Structure formats: structure tokens, C-alpha cells
Amino acid sequence: MKKIVLIAAAAGLMSVAACSKSPEAAAVENSADMLADNMEMQADNMDAMADNTSNAVATDVLENAADNMNAAADNVRDAADEKTDNMN
């Protein structure tokens, strides 16, 4: 019984150690998440503006801008993930 507990504890500690990030990597990831979250909020605001306008052309422009902003937020997160993978 003790061997099973010891093996389970060792496996748990190894998985925690493998997932730890350096402070720099954590800072990059946190900054990217905050930036991407703000970009997504801006995209939501653009979508809301598109819903509130009566001009069809303006609606299309705002919806396209919102889509582009969401794509850019995804790119920020992807770039941060790539950067943190190279830091660990």
C-alpha cells in the first residue's frame, strides 16, 4: 500500500514540475491574455455598434472590423504561446 501511495505522489509531483513556468513566461502569457481580452471586448463593442446602426454599409464595415479584431486577439494568444514554449 505504501508503494502505491509513494508512486502516486511521485507521479503527481513530476506532473506539477513539468507544468511549472518561469516568471518571465508567466508574465508574457498574462500580458498577452490581458491584451487579447481587451481586443475581444473592443470587437464586442464594434458588434454592438453594428447592431445599432441603420446604415447597411456601416454595419458591414463594423462587423468586418470586429472579425479582424477577434482574429488579431487569437494571433496575440498564439504568439504568446509560441514565445512561452521557447522560454521554458
C-alpha atoms as a PDB file:
ATOM      1  CA  MET A   1       0.000   0.000   0.000  1.00  0.00           C
ATOM      2  CA  LYS A   2       2.834   2.376   0.859  1.00  0.00           C
ATOM      3  CA  LYS A   3       4.484   1.747  -2.505  1.00  0.00           C
ATOM      4  CA  ILE A   4       1.317   2.698  -4.383  1.00  0.00           C
ATOM      5  CA  VAL A   5       0.948   5.911  -2.404  1.00  0.00           C
ATOM      6  CA  LEU A   6       4.612   6.738  -2.933  1.00  0.00           C
ATOM      7  CA  ILE A   7       4.387   6.113  -6.680  1.00  0.00           C
ATOM      8  CA  ALA A   8       1.196   8.170  -6.963  1.00  0.00           C
ATOM      9  CA  ALA A   9       2.776  11.037  -5.030  1.00  0.00           C
ATOM     10  CA  ALA A  10       5.904  10.935  -7.189  1.00  0.00           C
ATOM     11  CA  ALA A  11       3.834  10.946 -10.370  1.00  0.00           C
ATOM     12  CA  GLY A  12       1.829  13.900  -9.099  1.00  0.00           C
ATOM     13  CA  LEU A  13       4.938  15.874  -8.224  1.00  0.00           C
ATOM     14  CA  MET A  14       6.509  15.139 -11.602  1.00  0.00           C
ATOM     15  CA  SER A  15       3.426  16.393 -13.419  1.00  0.00           C
ATOM     16  CA  VAL A  16       3.423  19.598 -11.359  1.00  0.00           C
ATOM     17  CA  ALA A  17       7.118  20.133 -12.021  1.00  0.00           C
ATOM     18  CA  ALA A  18       6.633  19.641 -15.752  1.00  0.00           C
ATOM     19  CA  CYS A  19       3.884  22.263 -15.880  1.00  0.00           C
ATOM     20  CA  SER A  20       5.692  24.990 -13.986  1.00  0.00           C
ATOM     21  CA  LYS A  21       6.589  28.105 -15.945  1.00  0.00           C
ATOM     22  CA  SER A  22       9.310  30.604 -15.414  1.00  0.00           C
ATOM     23  CA  PRO A  23       8.237  34.003 -14.077  1.00  0.00           C
ATOM     24  CA  GLU A  24       9.091  35.558 -17.433  1.00  0.00           C
ATOM     25  CA  ALA A  25       6.922  33.066 -19.313  1.00  0.00           C
ATOM     26  CA  ALA A  26       4.052  33.650 -16.906  1.00  0.00           C
ATOM     27  CA  ALA A  27       4.382  37.414 -17.373  1.00  0.00           C
ATOM     28  CA  VAL A  28       4.329  37.072 -21.167  1.00  0.00           C
ATOM     29  CA  GLU A  29       1.267  34.834 -21.010  1.00  0.00           C
ATOM     30  CA  ASN A  30      -0.568  37.132 -18.579  1.00  0.00           C
ATOM     31  CA  SER A  31       0.178  40.228 -20.664  1.00  0.00           C
ATOM     32  CA  ALA A  32      -0.950  38.520 -23.849  1.00  0.00           C
ATOM     33  CA  ASP A  33      -4.156  37.321 -22.195  1.00  0.00           C
ATOM     34  CA  MET A  34      -4.962  40.820 -20.953  1.00  0.00           C
ATOM     35  CA  LEU A  35      -4.251  42.338 -24.365  1.00  0.00           C
ATOM     36  CA  ALA A  36      -6.304  39.685 -26.176  1.00  0.00           C
ATOM     37  CA  ASP A  37      -9.179  40.093 -23.715  1.00  0.00           C
ATOM     38  CA  ASN A  38      -9.201  43.843 -24.340  1.00  0.00           C
ATOM     39  CA  MET A  39      -9.148  43.284 -28.091  1.00  0.00           C
ATOM     40  CA  GLU A  40     -12.095  40.910 -27.812  1.00  0.00           C
ATOM     41  CA  MET A  41     -14.010  43.492 -25.768  1.00  0.00           C
ATOM     42  CA  GLN A  42     -13.347  46.067 -28.479  1.00  0.00           C
ATOM     43  CA  ALA A  43     -14.654  43.599 -31.047  1.00  0.00           C
ATOM     44  CA  ASP A  44     -17.782  43.089 -28.951  1.00  0.00           C
ATOM     45  CA  ASN A  45     -18.263  46.856 -28.850  1.00  0.00           C
ATOM     46  CA  MET A  46     -17.918  47.028 -32.626  1.00  0.00           C
ATOM     47  CA  ASP A  47     -20.518  44.285 -32.994  1.00  0.00           C
ATOM     48  CA  ALA A  48     -22.853  46.222 -30.714  1.00  0.00           C
ATOM     49  CA  MET A  49     -22.307  49.365 -32.771  1.00  0.00           C
ATOM     50  CA  ALA A  50     -23.053  47.396 -35.939  1.00  0.00           C
ATOM     51  CA  ASP A  51     -26.304  46.178 -34.408  1.00  0.00           C
ATOM     52  CA  ASN A  52     -27.321  49.730 -33.502  1.00  0.00           C
ATOM     53  CA  THR A  53     -26.705  51.433 -36.843  1.00  0.00           C
ATOM     54  CA  SER A  54     -29.263  51.693 -39.597  1.00  0.00           C
ATOM     55  CA  ASN A  55     -26.639  52.063 -42.332  1.00  0.00           C
ATOM     56  CA  ALA A  56     -26.041  48.699 -44.017  1.00  0.00           C
ATOM     57  CA  VAL A  57     -22.572  49.668 -45.258  1.00  0.00           C
ATOM     58  CA  ALA A  58     -21.517  50.810 -41.789  1.00  0.00           C
ATOM     59  CA  THR A  59     -22.879  47.568 -40.354  1.00  0.00           C
ATOM     60  CA  ASP A  60     -20.774  45.503 -42.747  1.00  0.00           C
ATOM     61  CA  VAL A  61     -17.658  47.578 -42.056  1.00  0.00           C
ATOM     62  CA  LEU A  62     -18.076  47.288 -38.291  1.00  0.00           C
ATOM     63  CA  GLU A  63     -18.750  43.559 -38.415  1.00  0.00           C
ATOM     64  CA  ASN A  64     -15.663  43.016 -40.585  1.00  0.00           C
ATOM     65  CA  ALA A  65     -13.572  45.130 -38.228  1.00  0.00           C
ATOM     66  CA  ALA A  66     -14.867  43.102 -35.274  1.00  0.00           C
ATOM     67  CA  ASP A  67     -13.992  39.846 -37.030  1.00  0.00           C
ATOM     68  CA  ASN A  68     -10.499  41.161 -37.775  1.00  0.00           C
ATOM     69  CA  MET A  69     -10.076  42.261 -34.157  1.00  0.00           C
ATOM     70  CA  ASN A  70     -11.068  38.806 -32.901  1.00  0.00           C
ATOM     71  CA  ALA A  71      -8.596  37.213 -35.320  1.00  0.00           C
ATOM     72  CA  ALA A  72      -5.872  39.562 -34.101  1.00  0.00           C
ATOM     73  CA  ALA A  73      -6.655  38.605 -30.487  1.00  0.00           C
ATOM     74  CA  ASP A  74      -6.250  34.948 -31.431  1.00  0.00           C
ATOM     75  CA  ASN A  75      -2.913  35.787 -33.071  1.00  0.00           C
ATOM     76  CA  VAL A  76      -1.731  37.536 -29.893  1.00  0.00           C
ATOM     77  CA  ARG A  77      -2.541  34.458 -27.828  1.00  0.00           C
ATOM     78  CA  ASP A  78      -0.850  32.164 -30.362  1.00  0.00           C
ATOM     79  CA  ALA A  79       2.277  34.326 -30.442  1.00  0.00           C
ATOM     80  CA  ALA A  80       2.440  34.353 -26.657  1.00  0.00           C
ATOM     81  CA  ASP A  81       2.070  30.578 -26.517  1.00  0.00           C
ATOM     82  CA  GLU A  82       4.895  30.191 -29.021  1.00  0.00           C
ATOM     83  CA  LYS A  83       7.070  32.617 -27.096  1.00  0.00           C
ATOM     84  CA  THR A  84       6.468  30.906 -23.753  1.00  0.00           C
ATOM     85  CA  ASP A  85       7.158  27.489 -25.279  1.00  0.00           C
ATOM     86  CA  ASN A  86      10.568  28.779 -26.314  1.00  0.00           C
ATOM     87  CA  MET A  87      11.213  30.250 -22.850  1.00  0.00           C
ATOM     88  CA  ASN A  88      10.692  27.019 -20.890  1.00  0.00           C
END
